[in-house]
Amino acid sequence: MDAAAEKEGVIMPRLRFRDVVLRGALYGTAATLIPAVVSVTAGAYTWHEHRTTFLGAITLVSLGVSVLFWAVGGFFWACSSGDIRRLRDFRTVSGRSGGVLIWGAAYVRAGAFTLTIGALTWLLTALIDASQGIGWLYGRY
């Protein structure tokens, strides 16, 4: 890397909030395929009530964890006062409070990840309930 792109071993430019949230949402969207495929195709979740209970549990747990990650990540992000670093910049951190510079972005990304999983599984549950007993998506009675 050249001198303009690197300052004291830290990759420049610093992370931006929008980019961190978008990447976390992208990962969450991809990860939602796992509970969607499991709930629709797995033999244990062929009954309608089991399917909606499974997706409802994933929704509630992921939204609860998301609130925790957003709160901690937002606090760390605010404490770092604009010096947000990537995980690969861990060796450039000095001092006791230097970890906040890295973990703020990690928690915000994890919060966006879990929020996306919660929202999409909730939408999948609503789609399954809206099928009104017609087709393979609803499941057995």
N, C-alpha and C. Protein backbone atom coordinates (compact mmCIF):
# COMPACT_ATOMS: atom_id res chain seq x y z
N MET A 1 0.83 -1.18 0.00
CA MET A 1 0.00 0.00 0.00
C MET A 1 0.87 1.24 0.00
N ASP A 2 0.37 2.28 -0.60
CA ASP A 2 1.14 3.51 -0.63
C ASP A 2 0.90 4.32 0.65
N ALA A 3 1.66 5.41 0.79
CA ALA A 3 1.61 6.21 2.01
C ALA A 3 0.27 6.90 2.19
N ALA A 4 -0.41 7.21 1.09
CA ALA A 4 -1.71 7.89 1.20
C ALA A 4 -2.79 6.94 1.70
N ALA A 5 -2.66 5.66 1.39
CA ALA A 5 -3.68 4.70 1.78
C ALA A 5 -3.40 4.08 3.14
N GLU A 6 -2.22 4.33 3.70
CA GLU A 6 -1.87 3.71 4.96
C GLU A 6 -1.21 4.75 5.86
N LYS A 7 -1.67 4.82 7.08
CA LYS A 7 -1.10 5.76 8.03
C LYS A 7 -0.81 5.00 9.31
N GLU A 8 0.44 4.87 9.66
CA GLU A 8 0.88 4.16 10.85
C GLU A 8 0.38 2.72 10.87
N GLY A 9 0.31 2.07 9.72
CA GLY A 9 -0.14 0.69 9.64
C GLY A 9 -1.65 0.51 9.60
N VAL A 10 -2.39 1.60 9.66
CA VAL A 10 -3.86 1.54 9.67
C VAL A 10 -4.37 1.76 8.26
N ILE A 11 -5.27 0.90 7.82
CA ILE A 11 -5.82 1.02 6.47
C ILE A 11 -6.73 2.23 6.41
N MET A 12 -6.53 3.05 5.40
CA MET A 12 -7.33 4.27 5.23
C MET A 12 -8.22 4.09 4.03
N PRO A 13 -9.34 4.64 3.88
CA PRO A 13 -10.00 5.50 4.86
C PRO A 13 -10.64 4.67 5.96
N ARG A 14 -10.99 5.33 7.04
CA ARG A 14 -11.63 4.67 8.17
C ARG A 14 -13.00 4.13 7.75
N LEU A 15 -13.53 3.23 8.55
CA LEU A 15 -14.85 2.66 8.26
C LEU A 15 -15.93 3.71 8.42
N ARG A 16 -16.93 3.64 7.55
CA ARG A 16 -18.09 4.52 7.64
C ARG A 16 -19.28 3.71 8.13
N PHE A 17 -20.15 4.36 8.89
CA PHE A 17 -21.29 3.69 9.51
C PHE A 17 -22.18 3.03 8.46
N ARG A 18 -22.45 3.72 7.38
CA ARG A 18 -23.32 3.20 6.33
C ARG A 18 -22.74 1.93 5.72
N ASP A 19 -21.45 1.91 5.46
CA ASP A 19 -20.82 0.73 4.87
C ASP A 19 -20.84 -0.47 5.82
N VAL A 20 -20.63 -0.21 7.10
CA VAL A 20 -20.65 -1.29 8.09
C VAL A 20 -22.05 -1.90 8.17
N VAL A 21 -23.08 -1.05 8.21
CA VAL A 21 -24.47 -1.53 8.32
C VAL A 21 -24.88 -2.28 7.05
N LEU A 22 -24.51 -1.77 5.89
CA LEU A 22 -24.88 -2.45 4.65
C LEU A 22 -24.22 -3.82 4.52
N ARG A 23 -22.98 -3.93 4.92
CA ARG A 23 -22.31 -5.24 4.85
C ARG A 23 -22.93 -6.22 5.83
N GLY A 24 -23.27 -5.75 7.03
CA GLY A 24 -23.94 -6.62 7.99
C GLY A 24 -25.30 -7.06 7.49
N ALA A 25 -26.05 -6.17 6.84
CA ALA A 25 -27.36 -6.52 6.30
C ALA A 25 -27.22 -7.52 5.14
N LEU A 26 -26.19 -7.36 4.35
CA LEU A 26 -25.96 -8.30 3.25
C LEU A 26 -25.66 -9.70 3.79
N TYR A 27 -24.82 -9.77 4.81
CA TYR A 27 -24.52 -11.07 5.42
C TYR A 27 -25.77 -11.66 6.07
N GLY A 28 -26.58 -10.83 6.70
CA GLY A 28 -27.82 -11.31 7.32
C GLY A 28 -28.81 -11.83 6.31
N THR A 29 -28.90 -11.17 5.17
CA THR A 29 -29.78 -11.64 4.11
C THR A 29 -29.35 -13.01 3.61
N ALA A 30 -28.06 -13.19 3.43
CA ALA A 30 -27.57 -14.50 2.99
C ALA A 30 -27.78 -15.56 4.06
N ALA A 31 -27.62 -15.19 5.32
CA ALA A 31 -27.77 -16.17 6.41
C ALA A 31 -29.23 -16.54 6.64
N THR A 32 -30.17 -15.73 6.21
CA THR A 32 -31.59 -16.05 6.40
C THR A 32 -32.01 -17.23 5.55
N LEU A 33 -31.26 -17.55 4.54
CA LEU A 33 -31.59 -18.71 3.72
C LEU A 33 -31.56 -20.01 4.52
N ILE A 34 -30.72 -20.08 5.54
CA ILE A 34 -30.62 -21.30 6.34
C ILE A 34 -31.92 -21.61 7.08
N PRO A 35 -32.47 -20.69 7.92
CA PRO A 35 -33.73 -21.04 8.57
C PRO A 35 -34.89 -21.17 7.59
N ALA A 36 -34.83 -20.44 6.48
CA ALA A 36 -35.91 -20.55 5.49
C ALA A 36 -35.92 -21.94 4.86
N VAL A 37 -34.77 -22.43 4.47
CA VAL A 37 -34.69 -23.75 3.85
C VAL A 37 -35.02 -24.84 4.87
N VAL A 38 -34.53 -24.69 6.10
CA VAL A 38 -34.80 -25.69 7.13
C VAL A 38 -36.28 -25.76 7.45
N SER A 39 -36.92 -24.59 7.59
CA SER A 39 -38.33 -24.60 7.99
C SER A 39 -39.24 -25.11 6.89
N VAL A 40 -38.88 -24.91 5.64
CA VAL A 40 -39.76 -25.32 4.55
C VAL A 40 -39.50 -26.75 4.12
N THR A 41 -38.27 -27.22 4.20
CA THR A 41 -37.95 -28.55 3.65
C THR A 41 -37.71 -29.63 4.69
N ALA A 42 -37.36 -29.26 5.91
CA ALA A 42 -37.01 -30.29 6.90
C ALA A 42 -38.24 -31.08 7.31
N GLY A 43 -38.06 -32.36 7.50
CA GLY A 43 -39.17 -33.24 7.85
C GLY A 43 -39.77 -32.94 9.22
N ALA A 44 -38.97 -32.41 10.15
CA ALA A 44 -39.47 -32.13 11.49
C ALA A 44 -40.41 -30.93 11.51
N TYR A 45 -40.33 -30.08 10.51
CA TYR A 45 -41.14 -28.85 10.49
C TYR A 45 -42.18 -28.88 9.38
N THR A 46 -42.76 -30.04 9.11
CA THR A 46 -43.76 -30.09 8.06
C THR A 46 -45.13 -29.64 8.55
N TRP A 47 -45.38 -29.70 9.85
CA TRP A 47 -46.65 -29.22 10.39
C TRP A 47 -46.62 -27.70 10.48
N HIS A 48 -47.74 -27.10 10.19
CA HIS A 48 -47.81 -25.64 10.14
C HIS A 48 -47.42 -24.99 11.47
N GLU A 49 -47.91 -25.52 12.58
CA GLU A 49 -47.62 -24.92 13.88
C GLU A 49 -46.13 -25.02 14.22
N HIS A 50 -45.51 -26.14 13.88
CA HIS A 50 -44.08 -26.29 14.15
C HIS A 50 -43.27 -25.32 13.31
N ARG A 51 -43.68 -25.15 12.09
CA ARG A 51 -42.96 -24.26 11.17
C ARG A 51 -43.02 -22.82 11.66
N THR A 52 -44.20 -22.35 12.02
CA THR A 52 -44.34 -20.96 12.48
C THR A 52 -43.71 -20.75 13.85
N THR A 53 -43.75 -21.77 14.71
CA THR A 53 -43.10 -21.64 16.02
C THR A 53 -41.59 -21.56 15.87
N PHE A 54 -41.02 -22.38 14.99
CA PHE A 54 -39.58 -22.35 14.73
C PHE A 54 -39.14 -20.99 14.21
N LEU A 55 -39.85 -20.47 13.23
CA LEU A 55 -39.49 -19.17 12.67
C LEU A 55 -39.75 -18.03 13.66
N GLY A 56 -40.81 -18.16 14.46
CA GLY A 56 -41.08 -17.15 15.48
C GLY A 56 -40.00 -17.09 16.54
N ALA A 57 -39.49 -18.26 16.93
CA ALA A 57 -38.41 -18.30 17.91
C ALA A 57 -37.14 -17.67 17.35
N ILE A 58 -36.83 -17.97 16.11
CA ILE A 58 -35.66 -17.34 15.48
C ILE A 58 -35.83 -15.84 15.41
N THR A 59 -37.04 -15.38 15.09
CA THR A 59 -37.31 -13.95 15.00
C THR A 59 -37.09 -13.27 16.34
N LEU A 60 -37.68 -13.79 17.39
CA LEU A 60 -37.57 -13.15 18.70
C LEU A 60 -36.15 -13.16 19.24
N VAL A 61 -35.47 -14.27 19.10
CA VAL A 61 -34.09 -14.34 19.60
C VAL A 61 -33.19 -13.40 18.82
N SER A 62 -33.32 -13.38 17.51
CA SER A 62 -32.43 -12.52 16.71
C SER A 62 -32.74 -11.05 16.93
N LEU A 63 -33.99 -10.67 17.12
CA LEU A 63 -34.30 -9.27 17.39
C LEU A 63 -33.81 -8.85 18.78
N GLY A 64 -33.91 -9.76 19.76
CA GLY A 64 -33.39 -9.44 21.09
C GLY A 64 -31.88 -9.27 21.09
N VAL A 65 -31.19 -10.17 20.42
CA VAL A 65 -29.73 -10.07 20.32
C VAL A 65 -29.34 -8.83 19.52
N SER A 66 -30.13 -8.50 18.52
CA SER A 66 -29.84 -7.32 17.71
C SER A 66 -29.89 -6.04 18.54
N VAL A 67 -30.86 -5.93 19.41
CA VAL A 67 -30.96 -4.74 20.27
C VAL A 67 -29.71 -4.63 21.14
N LEU A 68 -29.26 -5.74 21.69
CA LEU A 68 -28.06 -5.73 22.51
C LEU A 68 -26.83 -5.32 21.70
N PHE A 69 -26.66 -5.90 20.51
CA PHE A 69 -25.51 -5.56 19.68
C PHE A 69 -25.54 -4.10 19.24
N TRP A 70 -26.72 -3.58 18.86
CA TRP A 70 -26.81 -2.19 18.45
C TRP A 70 -26.47 -1.25 19.61
N ALA A 71 -26.93 -1.57 20.82
CA ALA A 71 -26.65 -0.71 21.97
C ALA A 71 -25.16 -0.69 22.29
N VAL A 72 -24.55 -1.86 22.37
CA VAL A 72 -23.11 -1.92 22.68
C VAL A 72 -22.29 -1.32 21.54
N GLY A 73 -22.62 -1.66 20.30
CA GLY A 73 -21.88 -1.13 19.16
C GLY A 73 -22.03 0.38 19.02
N GLY A 74 -23.22 0.88 19.25
CA GLY A 74 -23.42 2.34 19.19
C GLY A 74 -22.64 3.06 20.26
N PHE A 75 -22.60 2.47 21.45
CA PHE A 75 -21.82 3.07 22.54
C PHE A 75 -20.32 3.08 22.20
N PHE A 76 -19.81 1.95 21.73
CA PHE A 76 -18.40 1.88 21.36
C PHE A 76 -18.08 2.81 20.19
N TRP A 77 -19.00 2.90 19.23
CA TRP A 77 -18.78 3.77 18.07
C TRP A 77 -18.71 5.22 18.53
N ALA A 78 -19.60 5.60 19.44
CA ALA A 78 -19.59 6.98 19.94
C ALA A 78 -18.33 7.26 20.76
N CYS A 79 -17.85 6.28 21.51
CA CYS A 79 -16.65 6.46 22.33
C CYS A 79 -15.38 6.56 21.50
N SER A 80 -15.39 6.01 20.30
CA SER A 80 -14.17 6.03 19.50
C SER A 80 -13.97 7.34 18.78
N SER A 81 -14.92 8.23 18.81
CA SER A 81 -14.86 9.58 18.23
C SER A 81 -14.27 9.62 16.82
N GLY A 82 -14.84 8.82 15.94
CA GLY A 82 -14.50 8.88 14.53
C GLY A 82 -13.31 8.05 14.10
N ASP A 83 -12.58 7.46 15.02
CA ASP A 83 -11.41 6.64 14.66
C ASP A 83 -11.81 5.17 14.66
N ILE A 84 -12.67 4.80 13.72
CA ILE A 84 -13.17 3.43 13.62
C ILE A 84 -12.20 2.63 12.77
N ARG A 85 -11.75 1.50 13.29
CA ARG A 85 -10.76 0.69 12.58
C ARG A 85 -11.33 -0.68 12.24
N ARG A 86 -10.70 -1.31 11.27
CA ARG A 86 -11.09 -2.65 10.85
C ARG A 86 -10.47 -3.69 11.78
N LEU A 87 -11.02 -4.91 11.73
CA LEU A 87 -10.46 -5.98 12.57
C LEU A 87 -9.01 -6.29 12.22
N ARG A 88 -8.65 -6.13 10.96
CA ARG A 88 -7.27 -6.42 10.57
C ARG A 88 -6.29 -5.36 11.05
N ASP A 89 -6.80 -4.24 11.59
CA ASP A 89 -5.94 -3.20 12.17
C ASP A 89 -5.72 -3.40 13.66
N PHE A 90 -5.99 -4.59 14.16
CA PHE A 90 -5.91 -4.85 15.60
C PHE A 90 -4.51 -4.61 16.15
N ARG A 91 -3.49 -4.91 15.36
CA ARG A 91 -2.11 -4.75 15.83
C ARG A 91 -1.68 -3.29 15.94
N THR A 92 -2.45 -2.39 15.37
CA THR A 92 -2.09 -0.98 15.44
C THR A 92 -2.68 -0.28 16.65
N VAL A 93 -3.49 -0.97 17.42
CA VAL A 93 -4.14 -0.38 18.58
C VAL A 93 -3.16 -0.32 19.74
N SER A 94 -3.15 0.81 20.42
CA SER A 94 -2.29 0.94 21.59
C SER A 94 -3.12 1.46 22.76
N GLY A 95 -2.73 1.09 23.93
CA GLY A 95 -3.44 1.54 25.13
C GLY A 95 -4.54 0.58 25.54
N ARG A 96 -5.07 0.83 26.72
CA ARG A 96 -6.10 -0.05 27.26
C ARG A 96 -7.43 0.09 26.54
N SER A 97 -7.75 1.29 26.15
CA SER A 97 -9.07 1.53 25.54
C SER A 97 -9.04 1.43 24.02
N GLY A 98 -7.98 0.96 23.45
CA GLY A 98 -7.86 0.88 22.01
C GLY A 98 -8.77 -0.15 21.36
N GLY A 99 -9.17 -1.16 22.11
CA GLY A 99 -10.06 -2.18 21.56
C GLY A 99 -11.42 -1.64 21.17
N VAL A 100 -11.82 -0.54 21.80
CA VAL A 100 -13.10 0.09 21.47
C VAL A 100 -13.11 0.55 20.01
N LEU A 101 -11.96 0.92 19.49
CA LEU A 101 -11.87 1.39 18.11
C LEU A 101 -12.26 0.29 17.12
N ILE A 102 -12.03 -0.95 17.49
CA ILE A 102 -12.31 -2.08 16.61
C ILE A 102 -13.66 -2.71 16.90
N TRP A 103 -13.97 -2.90 18.16
CA TRP A 103 -15.19 -3.63 18.51
C TRP A 103 -16.46 -2.84 18.26
N GLY A 104 -16.38 -1.53 18.17
CA GLY A 104 -17.58 -0.75 17.83
C GLY A 104 -18.13 -1.14 16.47
N ALA A 105 -17.27 -1.22 15.48
CA ALA A 105 -17.71 -1.61 14.13
C ALA A 105 -18.15 -3.07 14.10
N ALA A 106 -17.49 -3.93 14.85
CA ALA A 106 -17.86 -5.34 14.86
C ALA A 106 -19.25 -5.54 15.46
N TYR A 107 -19.55 -4.84 16.54
CA TYR A 107 -20.88 -4.96 17.15
C TYR A 107 -21.97 -4.35 16.29
N VAL A 108 -21.69 -3.23 15.64
CA VAL A 108 -22.69 -2.63 14.75
C VAL A 108 -22.98 -3.56 13.58
N ARG A 109 -21.95 -4.16 13.01
CA ARG A 109 -22.16 -5.10 11.91
C ARG A 109 -22.94 -6.33 12.37
N ALA A 110 -22.63 -6.84 13.55
CA ALA A 110 -23.38 -7.98 14.08
C ALA A 110 -24.83 -7.60 14.38
N GLY A 111 -25.06 -6.37 14.81
CA GLY A 111 -26.42 -5.90 15.04
C GLY A 111 -27.22 -5.82 13.76
N ALA A 112 -26.62 -5.33 12.69
CA ALA A 112 -27.30 -5.28 11.39
C ALA A 112 -27.54 -6.69 10.86
N PHE A 113 -26.60 -7.58 11.09
CA PHE A 113 -26.73 -8.98 10.69
C PHE A 113 -27.94 -9.64 11.36
N THR A 114 -28.02 -9.53 12.68
CA THR A 114 -29.11 -10.18 13.41
C THR A 114 -30.45 -9.48 13.18
N LEU A 115 -30.43 -8.17 12.99
CA LEU A 115 -31.68 -7.46 12.70
C LEU A 115 -32.25 -7.91 11.35
N THR A 116 -31.40 -8.10 10.38
CA THR A 116 -31.85 -8.56 9.06
C THR A 116 -32.41 -9.98 9.15
N ILE A 117 -31.75 -10.84 9.90
CA ILE A 117 -32.27 -12.20 10.07
C ILE A 117 -33.64 -12.16 10.73
N GLY A 118 -33.79 -11.36 11.77
CA GLY A 118 -35.07 -11.27 12.46
C GLY A 118 -36.18 -10.74 11.58
N ALA A 119 -35.88 -9.70 10.82
CA ALA A 119 -36.91 -9.11 9.95
C ALA A 119 -37.32 -10.07 8.83
N LEU A 120 -36.36 -10.73 8.22
CA LEU A 120 -36.69 -11.62 7.11
C LEU A 120 -37.38 -12.90 7.57
N THR A 121 -37.03 -13.42 8.74
CA THR A 121 -37.76 -14.59 9.23
C THR A 121 -39.18 -14.20 9.66
N TRP A 122 -39.36 -12.99 10.16
CA TRP A 122 -40.70 -12.52 10.47
C TRP A 122 -41.54 -12.41 9.19
N LEU A 123 -40.94 -11.90 8.12
CA LEU A 123 -41.65 -11.82 6.83
C LEU A 123 -41.97 -13.22 6.29
N LEU A 124 -41.05 -14.16 6.47
CA LEU A 124 -41.32 -15.52 6.03
C LEU A 124 -42.46 -16.15 6.84
N THR A 125 -42.51 -15.87 8.13
CA THR A 125 -43.62 -16.36 8.96
C THR A 125 -44.94 -15.76 8.48
N ALA A 126 -44.94 -14.48 8.19
CA ALA A 126 -46.17 -13.84 7.69
C ALA A 126 -46.58 -14.41 6.34
N LEU A 127 -45.61 -14.73 5.50
CA LEU A 127 -45.91 -15.33 4.19
C LEU A 127 -46.50 -16.73 4.35
N ILE A 128 -45.97 -17.50 5.28
CA ILE A 128 -46.49 -18.84 5.53
C ILE A 128 -47.92 -18.76 6.08
N ASP A 129 -48.16 -17.84 7.00
CA ASP A 129 -49.52 -17.68 7.54
C ASP A 129 -50.50 -17.17 6.49
N ALA A 130 -50.03 -16.35 5.58
CA ALA A 130 -50.91 -15.78 4.55
C ALA A 130 -51.28 -16.80 3.47
N SER A 131 -50.57 -17.91 3.41
CA SER A 131 -50.89 -18.90 2.37
C SER A 131 -52.20 -19.63 2.65
N GLN A 132 -52.75 -19.51 3.85
CA GLN A 132 -54.09 -19.98 4.23
C GLN A 132 -54.36 -21.44 3.88
N GLY A 133 -53.43 -22.29 4.18
CA GLY A 133 -53.66 -23.72 4.01
C GLY A 133 -53.57 -24.23 2.60
N ILE A 134 -53.13 -23.41 1.68
CA ILE A 134 -53.04 -23.82 0.28
C ILE A 134 -51.57 -24.00 -0.08
N GLY A 135 -51.23 -25.14 -0.61
CA GLY A 135 -49.89 -25.35 -1.14
C GLY A 135 -48.90 -25.90 -0.13
N TRP A 136 -47.70 -26.14 -0.59
CA TRP A 136 -46.65 -26.74 0.20
C TRP A 136 -46.06 -25.78 1.21
N LEU A 137 -46.20 -24.47 1.00
CA LEU A 137 -45.61 -23.50 1.90
C LEU A 137 -46.30 -23.51 3.26
N TYR A 138 -47.58 -23.73 3.29
CA TYR A 138 -48.34 -23.73 4.55
C TYR A 138 -47.99 -24.92 5.42
N GLY A 139 -47.80 -26.07 4.81
CA GLY A 139 -47.52 -27.29 5.58
C GLY A 139 -48.80 -28.04 5.89
N ARG A 140 -48.65 -29.06 6.72
CA ARG A 140 -49.82 -29.85 7.12
C ARG A 140 -50.56 -29.15 8.25
N TYR A 141 -51.83 -29.54 8.42
CA TYR A 141 -52.65 -28.94 9.49
C TYR A 141 -52.32 -29.51 10.82
